[in-house]
């Protein structure tokens, strides 16, 4: 929740969104972030090669958090929290 408040108050992000070059390419562009929160276990693994390695998190719980985040667009809200977080 603190992140949502900080992002919404960020003068730097607002300045970037209002830049003329951004508005020319994306007229009426507004920045919007969504967050999905769930609680559960996960396994972290390194995936990649000798030149580039990315962290990946595998778990049905991570998948549910991602689905909640995606659903914020559908419901027009900033955050969705699973029952397990309550």
C-alpha atoms as a PDB file:
ATOM      1  CA  UNK A   1       0.000   0.000   0.000  1.00  0.00           C
ATOM      2  CA  UNK A   2       2.901   2.320   0.752  1.00  0.00           C
ATOM      3  CA  UNK A   3       4.259   1.803  -2.775  1.00  0.00           C
ATOM      4  CA  UNK A   4       0.902   2.779  -4.286  1.00  0.00           C
ATOM      5  CA  UNK A   5       0.873   6.006  -2.272  1.00  0.00           C
ATOM      6  CA  UNK A   6       4.472   6.850  -3.193  1.00  0.00           C
ATOM      7  CA  UNK A   7       3.922   6.170  -6.897  1.00  0.00           C
ATOM      8  CA  UNK A   8       0.772   8.291  -6.987  1.00  0.00           C
ATOM      9  CA  UNK A   9       2.645  11.178  -5.326  1.00  0.00           C
ATOM     10  CA  UNK A  10       5.747  10.896  -7.530  1.00  0.00           C
ATOM     11  CA  UNK A  11       6.463  14.202  -9.228  1.00  0.00           C
ATOM     12  CA  UNK A  12       9.086  12.528 -11.415  1.00  0.00           C
ATOM     13  CA  UNK A  13       6.634   9.985 -12.867  1.00  0.00           C
ATOM     14  CA  UNK A  14       4.060  12.728 -13.465  1.00  0.00           C
ATOM     15  CA  UNK A  15       6.682  14.847 -15.213  1.00  0.00           C
ATOM     16  CA  UNK A  16       7.659  11.955 -17.494  1.00  0.00           C
ATOM     17  CA  UNK A  17       4.018  11.195 -18.386  1.00  0.00           C
ATOM     18  CA  UNK A  18       3.421  14.864 -19.305  1.00  0.00           C
ATOM     19  CA  UNK A  19       6.514  15.178 -21.527  1.00  0.00           C
ATOM     20  CA  UNK A  20       5.618  16.411 -25.005  1.00  0.00           C
ATOM     21  CA  UNK A  21       7.464  13.555 -26.775  1.00  0.00           C
ATOM     22  CA  UNK A  22       5.528  10.983 -24.731  1.00  0.00           C
ATOM     23  CA  UNK A  23       2.218  12.738 -25.397  1.00  0.00           C
ATOM     24  CA  UNK A  24       2.957  12.974 -29.137  1.00  0.00           C
ATOM     25  CA  UNK A  25       3.564   9.225 -29.356  1.00  0.00           C
ATOM     26  CA  UNK A  26       0.808   8.299 -26.890  1.00  0.00           C
ATOM     27  CA  UNK A  27      -1.822  11.067 -26.847  1.00  0.00           C
ATOM     28  CA  UNK A  28      -3.631  11.242 -23.516  1.00  0.00           C
ATOM     29  CA  UNK A  29      -1.205   8.735 -21.960  1.00  0.00           C
ATOM     30  CA  UNK A  30      -1.716   8.201 -18.251  1.00  0.00           C
ATOM     31  CA  UNK A  31       0.389   5.947 -16.111  1.00  0.00           C
ATOM     32  CA  UNK A  32      -1.492   3.324 -14.127  1.00  0.00           C
ATOM     33  CA  UNK A  33      -0.132   0.580 -11.922  1.00  0.00           C
ATOM     34  CA  UNK A  34      -1.902  -2.450 -10.507  1.00  0.00           C
ATOM     35  CA  UNK A  35      -0.866  -4.708  -7.638  1.00  0.00           C
ATOM     36  CA  UNK A  36      -1.977  -8.247  -6.771  1.00  0.00           C
ATOM     37  CA  UNK A  37      -1.174  -9.533  -3.298  1.00  0.00           C
ATOM     38  CA  UNK A  38      -1.292 -13.146  -2.159  1.00  0.00           C
ATOM     39  CA  UNK A  39       0.551 -15.138   0.513  1.00  0.00           C
ATOM     40  CA  UNK A  40       2.200 -18.515  -0.001  1.00  0.00           C
ATOM     41  CA  UNK A  41       5.372 -20.414  -0.771  1.00  0.00           C
ATOM     42  CA  UNK A  42       7.519 -20.094  -3.883  1.00  0.00           C
ATOM     43  CA  UNK A  43      10.737 -21.438  -5.309  1.00  0.00           C
ATOM     44  CA  UNK A  44      13.284 -19.021  -6.753  1.00  0.00           C
ATOM     45  CA  UNK A  45      15.481 -20.180  -9.582  1.00  0.00           C
ATOM     46  CA  UNK A  46      18.087 -18.646 -11.853  1.00  0.00           C
ATOM     47  CA  UNK A  47      17.287 -19.017 -15.541  1.00  0.00           C
ATOM     48  CA  UNK A  48      19.560 -17.959 -18.378  1.00  0.00           C
ATOM     49  CA  UNK A  49      23.031 -18.378 -19.770  1.00  0.00           C
ATOM     50  CA  UNK A  50      26.576 -17.323 -18.940  1.00  0.00           C
ATOM     51  CA  UNK A  51      25.844 -13.869 -20.367  1.00  0.00           C
ATOM     52  CA  UNK A  52      22.492 -13.157 -18.764  1.00  0.00           C
ATOM     53  CA  UNK A  53      20.681 -14.621 -15.776  1.00  0.00           C
ATOM     54  CA  UNK A  54      17.154 -13.774 -14.647  1.00  0.00           C
ATOM     55  CA  UNK A  55      15.427 -14.781 -11.453  1.00  0.00           C
ATOM     56  CA  UNK A  56      12.212 -16.714 -11.820  1.00  0.00           C
ATOM     57  CA  UNK A  57       9.694 -17.509  -9.098  1.00  0.00           C
ATOM     58  CA  UNK A  58       7.631 -20.666  -9.479  1.00  0.00           C
ATOM     59  CA  UNK A  59       4.555 -21.452  -7.441  1.00  0.00           C
ATOM     60  CA  UNK A  60       0.781 -21.550  -7.733  1.00  0.00           C
ATOM     61  CA  UNK A  61       0.828 -18.663  -5.244  1.00  0.00           C
ATOM     62  CA  UNK A  62       2.950 -16.484  -7.523  1.00  0.00           C
ATOM     63  CA  UNK A  63       0.590 -17.330 -10.382  1.00  0.00           C
ATOM     64  CA  UNK A  64      -2.427 -16.258  -8.298  1.00  0.00           C
ATOM     65  CA  UNK A  65      -0.759 -12.938  -7.391  1.00  0.00           C
ATOM     66  CA  UNK A  66      -0.099 -12.335 -11.096  1.00  0.00           C
ATOM     67  CA  UNK A  67      -3.735 -13.089 -11.936  1.00  0.00           C
ATOM     68  CA  UNK A  68      -4.904 -10.680  -9.227  1.00  0.00           C
ATOM     69  CA  UNK A  69      -2.646  -7.976 -10.660  1.00  0.00           C
ATOM     70  CA  UNK A  70      -4.056  -8.591 -14.120  1.00  0.00           C
ATOM     71  CA  UNK A  71      -7.620  -8.398 -12.777  1.00  0.00           C
ATOM     72  CA  UNK A  72      -7.009  -4.871 -11.434  1.00  0.00           C
ATOM     73  CA  UNK A  73      -7.448  -3.656 -15.027  1.00  0.00           C
ATOM     74  CA  UNK A  74     -10.781  -5.454 -15.376  1.00  0.00           C
ATOM     75  CA  UNK A  75     -12.153  -4.001 -12.139  1.00  0.00           C
ATOM     76  CA  UNK A  76     -10.507  -0.575 -12.494  1.00  0.00           C
ATOM     77  CA  UNK A  77      -8.805  -0.749  -9.103  1.00  0.00           C
ATOM     78  CA  UNK A  78      -5.209  -0.274  -7.997  1.00  0.00           C
ATOM     79  CA  UNK A  79      -4.885  -3.314  -5.754  1.00  0.00           C
ATOM     80  CA  UNK A  80      -6.531  -6.696  -5.287  1.00  0.00           C
ATOM     81  CA  UNK A  81      -5.721  -8.760  -2.204  1.00  0.00           C
ATOM     82  CA  UNK A  82      -6.480 -12.468  -1.804  1.00  0.00           C
ATOM     83  CA  UNK A  83      -8.337 -13.826   1.197  1.00  0.00           C
ATOM     84  CA  UNK A  84      -5.086 -15.471   2.371  1.00  0.00           C
ATOM     85  CA  UNK A  85      -3.615 -12.010   3.027  1.00  0.00           C
ATOM     86  CA  UNK A  86      -6.420 -11.072   5.440  1.00  0.00           C
END
